[in-house]
Amino acid sequence: MYKNLRIIFCILAVACTAVTIFIFTYFGWWGFLPLGGALIFAALMVICKRAQEKEELKKNPPPPEGDYITGKVNKNEE
Protein backbone atom coordinates (compact mmCIF):
# COMPACT_ATOMS: atom_id res chain seq x y z
CA MET A 1 0.00 0.00 0.00
CA TYR A 2 2.76 2.46 0.93
CA LYS A 3 4.61 1.75 -2.29
CA ASN A 4 1.56 2.67 -4.36
CA LEU A 5 1.03 5.84 -2.33
CA ARG A 6 4.68 6.78 -2.81
CA ILE A 7 4.35 6.45 -6.58
CA ILE A 8 1.12 8.47 -6.65
CA PHE A 9 2.52 11.26 -4.46
CA CYS A 10 5.69 11.38 -6.58
CA ILE A 11 3.69 11.77 -9.78
CA LEU A 12 1.51 14.48 -8.20
CA ALA A 13 4.57 16.35 -6.91
CA VAL A 14 6.19 16.31 -10.35
CA ALA A 15 2.95 17.41 -12.02
CA CYS A 16 2.55 20.30 -9.59
CA THR A 17 6.15 21.33 -10.17
CA ALA A 18 5.69 21.29 -13.95
CA VAL A 19 2.50 23.35 -13.74
CA THR A 20 4.15 25.86 -11.41
CA ILE A 21 6.41 27.21 -14.15
CA PHE A 22 3.53 28.05 -16.46
CA ILE A 23 1.37 29.53 -13.73
CA PHE A 24 4.21 31.79 -12.56
CA THR A 25 4.72 32.89 -16.16
CA TYR A 26 1.11 33.77 -16.94
CA PHE A 27 -0.53 34.45 -13.56
CA GLY A 28 2.31 35.74 -11.39
CA TRP A 29 2.08 35.04 -7.67
CA TRP A 30 -0.62 32.40 -8.13
CA GLY A 31 2.23 30.05 -8.94
CA PHE A 32 2.83 29.57 -5.22
CA LEU A 33 -0.32 27.43 -4.98
CA PRO A 34 0.95 24.52 -7.09
CA LEU A 35 4.41 25.00 -5.59
CA GLY A 36 2.89 24.50 -2.14
CA GLY A 37 1.06 21.45 -3.46
CA ALA A 38 4.33 20.04 -4.76
CA LEU A 39 5.96 20.51 -1.36
CA ILE A 40 3.03 18.84 0.40
CA PHE A 41 3.02 15.86 -1.97
CA ALA A 42 6.79 15.50 -1.63
CA ALA A 43 6.47 15.49 2.16
CA LEU A 44 3.71 12.87 1.96
CA MET A 45 5.94 10.77 -0.28
CA VAL A 46 8.75 10.87 2.31
CA ILE A 47 6.31 10.02 5.13
CA CYS A 48 5.04 6.99 3.19
CA LYS A 49 8.62 5.90 2.50
CA ARG A 50 9.51 5.99 6.18
CA ALA A 51 6.31 4.16 7.13
CA GLN A 52 7.01 1.46 4.53
CA GLU A 53 10.57 0.98 5.79
CA LYS A 54 9.36 0.78 9.39
CA GLU A 55 6.71 -1.79 8.45
CA GLU A 56 9.21 -3.90 6.49
CA LEU A 57 11.70 -3.76 9.37
CA LYS A 58 9.00 -4.90 11.79
CA LYS A 59 8.06 -7.86 9.57
CA ASN A 60 11.65 -8.86 8.85
CA PRO A 61 14.06 -7.61 11.54
CA PRO A 62 17.78 -7.73 10.83
CA PRO A 63 19.81 -10.46 12.53
CA PRO A 64 21.59 -9.40 15.72
CA GLU A 65 25.21 -8.49 15.26
CA GLY A 66 27.98 -7.84 17.72
CA ASP A 67 30.63 -5.18 17.55
CA TYR A 68 34.38 -5.18 17.90
CA ILE A 69 34.18 -5.04 21.72
CA THR A 70 31.55 -7.64 22.54
CA GLY A 71 32.27 -9.97 19.64
CA LYS A 72 29.83 -12.10 17.73
CA VAL A 73 26.35 -12.54 19.25
CA ASN A 74 25.38 -16.14 19.92
CA LYS A 75 21.82 -17.35 19.40
CA ASN A 76 21.56 -18.31 23.10
CA GLU A 77 22.37 -14.78 24.31
CA GLU A 78 19.41 -13.12 22.58
PDB file of N, CA and C in Angstrom:
ATOM      1  N   MET A   1       0.823  -1.180   0.000  1.00  0.00           N
ATOM      2  CA  MET A   1       0.000   0.000   0.000  1.00  0.00           C
ATOM      3  C   MET A   1       0.879   1.260   0.000  1.00  0.00           C
ATOM      4  N   TYR A   2       1.909   1.271   0.860  1.00  0.00           N
ATOM      5  CA  TYR A   2       2.756   2.458   0.934  1.00  0.00           C
ATOM      6  C   TYR A   2       3.517   2.693  -0.369  1.00  0.00           C
ATOM      7  N   LYS A   3       3.882   1.603  -1.033  1.00  0.00           N
ATOM      8  CA  LYS A   3       4.612   1.751  -2.293  1.00  0.00           C
ATOM      9  C   LYS A   3       3.742   2.436  -3.343  1.00  0.00           C
ATOM     10  N   ASN A   4       2.473   2.042  -3.414  1.00  0.00           N
ATOM     11  CA  ASN A   4       1.559   2.674  -4.363  1.00  0.00           C
ATOM     12  C   ASN A   4       1.344   4.143  -4.023  1.00  0.00           C
ATOM     13  N   LEU A   5       1.202   4.445  -2.738  1.00  0.00           N
ATOM     14  CA  LEU A   5       1.028   5.837  -2.328  1.00  0.00           C
ATOM     15  C   LEU A   5       2.270   6.661  -2.654  1.00  0.00           C
ATOM     16  N   ARG A   6       3.454   6.072  -2.468  1.00  0.00           N
ATOM     17  CA  ARG A   6       4.685   6.784  -2.805  1.00  0.00           C
ATOM     18  C   ARG A   6       4.722   7.140  -4.285  1.00  0.00           C
ATOM     19  N   ILE A   7       4.338   6.209  -5.136  1.00  0.00           N
ATOM     20  CA  ILE A   7       4.346   6.455  -6.579  1.00  0.00           C
ATOM     21  C   ILE A   7       3.343   7.545  -6.942  1.00  0.00           C
ATOM     22  N   ILE A   8       2.155   7.474  -6.363  1.00  0.00           N
ATOM     23  CA  ILE A   8       1.116   8.472  -6.654  1.00  0.00           C
ATOM     24  C   ILE A   8       1.559   9.855  -6.191  1.00  0.00           C
ATOM     25  N   PHE A   9       2.088   9.957  -4.962  1.00  0.00           N
ATOM     26  CA  PHE A   9       2.521  11.262  -4.465  1.00  0.00           C
ATOM     27  C   PHE A   9       3.698  11.805  -5.264  1.00  0.00           C
ATOM     28  N   CYS A  10       4.570  10.934  -5.748  1.00  0.00           N
ATOM     29  CA  CYS A  10       5.688  11.379  -6.582  1.00  0.00           C
ATOM     30  C   CYS A  10       5.187  11.960  -7.901  1.00  0.00           C
ATOM     31  N   ILE A  11       4.249  11.282  -8.517  1.00  0.00           N
ATOM     32  CA  ILE A  11       3.685  11.768  -9.780  1.00  0.00           C
ATOM     33  C   ILE A  11       2.983  13.104  -9.571  1.00  0.00           C
ATOM     34  N   LEU A  12       2.212  13.225  -8.479  1.00  0.00           N
ATOM     35  CA  LEU A  12       1.514  14.480  -8.202  1.00  0.00           C
ATOM     36  C   LEU A  12       2.496  15.615  -7.910  1.00  0.00           C
ATOM     37  N   ALA A  13       3.576  15.323  -7.205  1.00  0.00           N
ATOM     38  CA  ALA A  13       4.573  16.352  -6.912  1.00  0.00           C
ATOM     39  C   ALA A  13       5.244  16.841  -8.196  1.00  0.00           C
ATOM     40  N   VAL A  14       5.570  15.924  -9.088  1.00  0.00           N
ATOM     41  CA  VAL A  14       6.194  16.313 -10.349  1.00  0.00           C
ATOM     42  C   VAL A  14       5.222  17.093 -11.220  1.00  0.00           C
ATOM     43  N   ALA A  15       3.963  16.689 -11.239  1.00  0.00           N
ATOM     44  CA  ALA A  15       2.955  17.405 -12.024  1.00  0.00           C
ATOM     45  C   ALA A  15       2.761  18.827 -11.491  1.00  0.00           C
ATOM     46  N   CYS A  16       2.695  18.961 -10.184  1.00  0.00           N
ATOM     47  CA  CYS A  16       2.548  20.300  -9.595  1.00  0.00           C
ATOM     48  C   CYS A  16       3.763  21.170  -9.901  1.00  0.00           C
ATOM     49  N   THR A  17       4.932  20.580  -9.879  1.00  0.00           N
ATOM     50  CA  THR A  17       6.146  21.333 -10.175  1.00  0.00           C
ATOM     51  C   THR A  17       6.155  21.796 -11.631  1.00  0.00           C
ATOM     52  N   ALA A  18       5.722  20.926 -12.532  1.00  0.00           N
ATOM     53  CA  ALA A  18       5.690  21.291 -13.951  1.00  0.00           C
ATOM     54  C   ALA A  18       4.674  22.401 -14.215  1.00  0.00           C
ATOM     55  N   VAL A  19       3.543  22.343 -13.546  1.00  0.00           N
ATOM     56  CA  VAL A  19       2.501  23.347 -13.741  1.00  0.00           C
ATOM     57  C   VAL A  19       2.917  24.683 -13.133  1.00  0.00           C
ATOM     58  N   THR A  20       3.729  24.641 -12.102  1.00  0.00           N
ATOM     59  CA  THR A  20       4.151  25.864 -11.407  1.00  0.00           C
ATOM     60  C   THR A  20       4.843  26.838 -12.355  1.00  0.00           C
ATOM     61  N   ILE A  21       5.671  26.345 -13.232  1.00  0.00           N
ATOM     62  CA  ILE A  21       6.415  27.214 -14.152  1.00  0.00           C
ATOM     63  C   ILE A  21       5.457  28.017 -15.024  1.00  0.00           C
ATOM     64  N   PHE A  22       4.468  27.366 -15.577  1.00  0.00           N
ATOM     65  CA  PHE A  22       3.528  28.053 -16.463  1.00  0.00           C
ATOM     66  C   PHE A  22       2.627  29.014 -15.693  1.00  0.00           C
ATOM     67  N   ILE A  23       2.230  28.642 -14.514  1.00  0.00           N
ATOM     68  CA  ILE A  23       1.366  29.526 -13.733  1.00  0.00           C
ATOM     69  C   ILE A  23       2.136  30.766 -13.284  1.00  0.00           C
ATOM     70  N   PHE A  24       3.395  30.620 -12.888  1.00  0.00           N
ATOM     71  CA  PHE A  24       4.209  31.790 -12.556  1.00  0.00           C
ATOM     72  C   PHE A  24       4.366  32.700 -13.778  1.00  0.00           C
ATOM     73  N   THR A  25       4.511  32.105 -14.948  1.00  0.00           N
ATOM     74  CA  THR A  25       4.719  32.889 -16.160  1.00  0.00           C
ATOM     75  C   THR A  25       3.484  33.708 -16.523  1.00  0.00           C
ATOM     76  N   TYR A  26       2.310  33.098 -16.462  1.00  0.00           N
ATOM     77  CA  TYR A  26       1.108  33.766 -16.940  1.00  0.00           C
ATOM     78  C   TYR A  26       0.276  34.419 -15.833  1.00  0.00           C
ATOM     79  N   PHE A  27       0.340  33.935 -14.617  1.00  0.00           N
ATOM     80  CA  PHE A  27      -0.534  34.453 -13.560  1.00  0.00           C
ATOM     81  C   PHE A  27       0.218  35.030 -12.365  1.00  0.00           C
ATOM     82  N   GLY A  28       1.520  35.095 -12.440  1.00  0.00           N
ATOM     83  CA  GLY A  28       2.306  35.742 -11.386  1.00  0.00           C
ATOM     84  C   GLY A  28       2.332  34.952 -10.088  1.00  0.00           C
ATOM     85  N   TRP A  29       1.956  35.609  -9.017  1.00  0.00           N
ATOM     86  CA  TRP A  29       2.077  35.041  -7.673  1.00  0.00           C
ATOM     87  C   TRP A  29       1.174  33.844  -7.424  1.00  0.00           C
ATOM     88  N   TRP A  30       0.232  33.582  -8.293  1.00  0.00           N
ATOM     89  CA  TRP A  30      -0.623  32.400  -8.131  1.00  0.00           C
ATOM     90  C   TRP A  30       0.178  31.104  -8.298  1.00  0.00           C
ATOM     91  N   GLY A  31       1.375  31.213  -8.775  1.00  0.00           N
ATOM     92  CA  GLY A  31       2.235  30.054  -8.940  1.00  0.00           C
ATOM     93  C   GLY A  31       2.664  29.424  -7.626  1.00  0.00           C
ATOM     94  N   PHE A  32       2.482  30.152  -6.511  1.00  0.00           N
ATOM     95  CA  PHE A  32       2.828  29.573  -5.221  1.00  0.00           C
ATOM     96  C   PHE A  32       1.846  28.482  -4.791  1.00  0.00           C
ATOM     97  N   LEU A  33       0.643  28.481  -5.331  1.00  0.00           N
ATOM     98  CA  LEU A  33      -0.322  27.429  -4.980  1.00  0.00           C
ATOM     99  C   LEU A  33       0.147  26.044  -5.435  1.00  0.00           C
ATOM    100  N   PRO A  34       0.459  25.849  -6.715  1.00  0.00           N
ATOM    101  CA  PRO A  34       0.951  24.518  -7.093  1.00  0.00           C
ATOM    102  C   PRO A  34       2.330  24.203  -6.506  1.00  0.00           C
ATOM    103  N   LEU A  35       3.127  25.230  -6.233  1.00  0.00           N
ATOM    104  CA  LEU A  35       4.413  25.000  -5.587  1.00  0.00           C
ATOM    105  C   LEU A  35       4.204  24.456  -4.172  1.00  0.00           C
ATOM    106  N   GLY A  36       3.239  25.019  -3.459  1.00  0.00           N
ATOM    107  CA  GLY A  36       2.891  24.495  -2.138  1.00  0.00           C
ATOM    108  C   GLY A  36       2.366  23.072  -2.228  1.00  0.00           C
ATOM    109  N   GLY A  37       1.557  22.808  -3.260  1.00  0.00           N
ATOM    110  CA  GLY A  37       1.063  21.450  -3.465  1.00  0.00           C
ATOM    111  C   GLY A  37       2.192  20.472  -3.724  1.00  0.00           C
ATOM    112  N   ALA A  38       3.182  20.904  -4.491  1.00  0.00           N
ATOM    113  CA  ALA A  38       4.331  20.038  -4.764  1.00  0.00           C
ATOM    114  C   ALA A  38       5.103  19.735  -3.485  1.00  0.00           C
ATOM    115  N   LEU A  39       5.262  20.738  -2.628  1.00  0.00           N
ATOM    116  CA  LEU A  39       5.960  20.510  -1.363  1.00  0.00           C
ATOM    117  C   LEU A  39       5.176  19.566  -0.456  1.00  0.00           C
ATOM    118  N   ILE A  40       3.872  19.719  -0.424  1.00  0.00           N
ATOM    119  CA  ILE A  40       3.035  18.841   0.403  1.00  0.00           C
ATOM    120  C   ILE A  40       3.096  17.405  -0.104  1.00  0.00           C
ATOM    121  N   PHE A  41       2.968  17.218  -1.412  1.00  0.00           N
ATOM    122  CA  PHE A  41       3.019  15.865  -1.972  1.00  0.00           C
ATOM    123  C   PHE A  41       4.400  15.231  -1.777  1.00  0.00           C
ATOM    124  N   ALA A  42       5.455  16.036  -1.868  1.00  0.00           N
ATOM    125  CA  ALA A  42       6.794  15.499  -1.633  1.00  0.00           C
ATOM    126  C   ALA A  42       6.954  15.074  -0.168  1.00  0.00           C
ATOM    127  N   ALA A  43       6.410  15.864   0.744  1.00  0.00           N
ATOM    128  CA  ALA A  43       6.472  15.493   2.159  1.00  0.00           C
ATOM    129  C   ALA A  43       5.675  14.216   2.419  1.00  0.00           C
ATOM    130  N   LEU A  44       4.505  14.089   1.802  1.00  0.00           N
ATOM    131  CA  LEU A  44       3.714  12.869   1.961  1.00  0.00           C
ATOM    132  C   LEU A  44       4.443  11.661   1.397  1.00  0.00           C
ATOM    133  N   MET A  45       5.168  11.854   0.311  1.00  0.00           N
ATOM    134  CA  MET A  45       5.943  10.766  -0.278  1.00  0.00           C
ATOM    135  C   MET A  45       7.027  10.291   0.693  1.00  0.00           C
ATOM    136  N   VAL A  46       7.699  11.230   1.351  1.00  0.00           N
ATOM    137  CA  VAL A  46       8.746  10.872   2.308  1.00  0.00           C
ATOM    138  C   VAL A  46       8.135  10.176   3.528  1.00  0.00           C
ATOM    139  N   ILE A  47       6.983  10.650   3.983  1.00  0.00           N
ATOM    140  CA  ILE A  47       6.310  10.018   5.125  1.00  0.00           C
ATOM    141  C   ILE A  47       5.930   8.584   4.796  1.00  0.00           C
ATOM    142  N   CYS A  48       5.394   8.357   3.600  1.00  0.00           N
ATOM    143  CA  CYS A  48       5.037   6.991   3.195  1.00  0.00           C
ATOM    144  C   CYS A  48       6.273   6.109   3.068  1.00  0.00           C
ATOM    145  N   LYS A  49       7.380   6.681   2.609  1.00  0.00           N
ATOM    146  CA  LYS A  49       8.622   5.902   2.496  1.00  0.00           C
ATOM    147  C   LYS A  49       9.094   5.445   3.868  1.00  0.00           C
ATOM    148  N   ARG A  50       9.081   6.353   4.829  1.00  0.00           N
ATOM    149  CA  ARG A  50       9.513   5.988   6.179  1.00  0.00           C
ATOM    150  C   ARG A  50       8.574   4.975   6.808  1.00  0.00           C
ATOM    151  N   ALA A  51       7.267   5.125   6.579  1.00  0.00           N
ATOM    152  CA  ALA A  51       6.307   4.160   7.127  1.00  0.00           C
ATOM    153  C   ALA A  51       6.503   2.785   6.503  1.00  0.00           C
ATOM    154  N   GLN A  52       6.781   2.739   5.202  1.00  0.00           N
ATOM    155  CA  GLN A  52       7.014   1.463   4.531  1.00  0.00           C
ATOM    156  C   GLN A  52       8.269   0.795   5.076  1.00  0.00           C
ATOM    157  N   GLU A  53       9.338   1.554   5.257  1.00  0.00           N
ATOM    158  CA  GLU A  53      10.574   0.983   5.792  1.00  0.00           C
ATOM    159  C   GLU A  53      10.371   0.482   7.214  1.00  0.00           C
ATOM    160  N   LYS A  54       9.617   1.211   8.024  1.00  0.00           N
ATOM    161  CA  LYS A  54       9.356   0.780   9.392  1.00  0.00           C
ATOM    162  C   LYS A  54       8.535  -0.505   9.414  1.00  0.00           C
ATOM    163  N   GLU A  55       7.547  -0.589   8.526  1.00  0.00           N
ATOM    164  CA  GLU A  55       6.709  -1.792   8.451  1.00  0.00           C
ATOM    165  C   GLU A  55       7.525  -3.001   7.982  1.00  0.00           C
ATOM    166  N   GLU A  56       8.377  -2.809   6.988  1.00  0.00           N
ATOM    167  CA  GLU A  56       9.211  -3.904   6.494  1.00  0.00           C
ATOM    168  C   GLU A  56      10.231  -4.347   7.551  1.00  0.00           C
ATOM    169  N   LEU A  57      10.756  -3.407   8.320  1.00  0.00           N
ATOM    170  CA  LEU A  57      11.704  -3.756   9.368  1.00  0.00           C
ATOM    171  C   LEU A  57      11.014  -4.530  10.491  1.00  0.00           C
ATOM    172  N   LYS A  58       9.745  -4.192  10.761  1.00  0.00           N
ATOM    173  CA  LYS A  58       8.996  -4.901  11.791  1.00  0.00           C
ATOM    174  C   LYS A  58       8.690  -6.335  11.358  1.00  0.00           C
ATOM    175  N   LYS A  59       8.365  -6.523  10.082  1.00  0.00           N
ATOM    176  CA  LYS A  59       8.056  -7.859   9.569  1.00  0.00           C
ATOM    177  C   LYS A  59       9.305  -8.724   9.444  1.00  0.00           C
ATOM    178  N   ASN A  60      10.416  -8.109   9.088  1.00  0.00           N
ATOM    179  CA  ASN A  60      11.645  -8.865   8.855  1.00  0.00           C
ATOM    180  C   ASN A  60      12.812  -8.148   9.527  1.00  0.00           C
ATOM    181  N   PRO A  61      12.975  -8.325  10.848  1.00  0.00           N
ATOM    182  CA  PRO A  61      14.063  -7.612  11.541  1.00  0.00           C
ATOM    183  C   PRO A  61      15.434  -8.148  11.140  1.00  0.00           C
ATOM    184  N   PRO A  62      16.429  -7.283  11.180  1.00  0.00           N
ATOM    185  CA  PRO A  62      17.779  -7.733  10.826  1.00  0.00           C
ATOM    186  C   PRO A  62      18.330  -8.667  11.899  1.00  0.00           C
ATOM    187  N   PRO A  63      19.223  -9.558  11.527  1.00  0.00           N
ATOM    188  CA  PRO A  63      19.806 -10.462  12.528  1.00  0.00           C
ATOM    189  C   PRO A  63      20.682  -9.671  13.498  1.00  0.00           C
ATOM    190  N   PRO A  64      20.756 -10.114  14.756  1.00  0.00           N
ATOM    191  CA  PRO A  64      21.593  -9.401  15.718  1.00  0.00           C
ATOM    192  C   PRO A  64      23.074  -9.554  15.373  1.00  0.00           C
ATOM    193  N   GLU A  65      23.788  -8.473  15.548  1.00  0.00           N
ATOM    194  CA  GLU A  65      25.214  -8.487  15.258  1.00  0.00           C
ATOM    195  C   GLU A  65      25.960  -7.892  16.435  1.00  0.00           C
ATOM    196  N   GLY A  66      27.139  -8.393  16.679  1.00  0.00           N
ATOM    197  CA  GLY A  66      27.978  -7.840  17.721  1.00  0.00           C
ATOM    198  C   GLY A  66      28.837  -6.723  17.158  1.00  0.00           C
ATOM    199  N   ASP A  67      29.689  -6.192  18.011  1.00  0.00           N
ATOM    200  CA  ASP A  67      30.631  -5.185  17.551  1.00  0.00           C
ATOM    201  C   ASP A  67      32.044  -5.631  17.883  1.00  0.00           C
ATOM    202  N   TYR A  68      32.995  -4.778  17.703  1.00  0.00           N
ATOM    203  CA  TYR A  68      34.381  -5.183  17.897  1.00  0.00           C
ATOM    204  C   TYR A  68      34.726  -5.372  19.375  1.00  0.00           C
ATOM    205  N   ILE A  69      33.908  -4.889  20.297  1.00  0.00           N
ATOM    206  CA  ILE A  69      34.179  -5.044  21.716  1.00  0.00           C
ATOM    207  C   ILE A  69      33.550  -6.325  22.252  1.00  0.00           C
ATOM    208  N   THR A  70      32.265  -6.492  21.981  1.00  0.00           N
ATOM    209  CA  THR A  70      31.548  -7.636  22.542  1.00  0.00           C
ATOM    210  C   THR A  70      31.698  -8.898  21.724  1.00  0.00           C
ATOM    211  N   GLY A  71      32.105  -8.793  20.490  1.00  0.00           N
ATOM    212  CA  GLY A  71      32.269  -9.966  19.643  1.00  0.00           C
ATOM    213  C   GLY A  71      30.967 -10.408  19.019  1.00  0.00           C
ATOM    214  N   LYS A  72      30.989 -11.579  18.434  1.00  0.00           N
ATOM    215  CA  LYS A  72      29.829 -12.101  17.734  1.00  0.00           C
ATOM    216  C   LYS A  72      28.734 -12.501  18.740  1.00  0.00           C
ATOM    217  N   VAL A  73      27.487 -12.208  18.397  1.00  0.00           N
ATOM    218  CA  VAL A  73      26.353 -12.538  19.249  1.00  0.00           C
ATOM    219  C   VAL A  73      25.932 -13.971  18.990  1.00  0.00           C
ATOM    220  N   ASN A  74      25.834 -14.756  20.046  1.00  0.00           N
ATOM    221  CA  ASN A  74      25.376 -16.138  19.923  1.00  0.00           C
ATOM    222  C   ASN A  74      23.855 -16.176  19.991  1.00  0.00           C
ATOM    223  N   LYS A  75      23.276 -17.199  19.399  1.00  0.00           N
ATOM    224  CA  LYS A  75      21.819 -17.346  19.398  1.00  0.00           C
ATOM    225  C   LYS A  75      21.266 -17.495  20.823  1.00  0.00           C
ATOM    226  N   ASN A  76      22.033 -18.078  21.732  1.00  0.00           N
ATOM    227  CA  ASN A  76      21.565 -18.311  23.097  1.00  0.00           C
ATOM    228  C   ASN A  76      21.541 -17.026  23.928  1.00  0.00           C
ATOM    229  N   GLU A  77      22.300 -16.016  23.543  1.00  0.00           N
ATOM    230  CA  GLU A  77      22.374 -14.782  24.306  1.00  0.00           C
ATOM    231  C   GLU A  77      21.276 -13.807  23.977  1.00  0.00           C
ATOM    232  N   GLU A  78      20.466 -14.052  22.982  1.00  0.00           N
ATOM    233  CA  GLU A  78      19.410 -13.124  22.580  1.00  0.00           C
ATOM    234  C   GLU A  78      18.408 -13.076  23.620  1.00  0.00           C
TER     235      GLU A  78
END
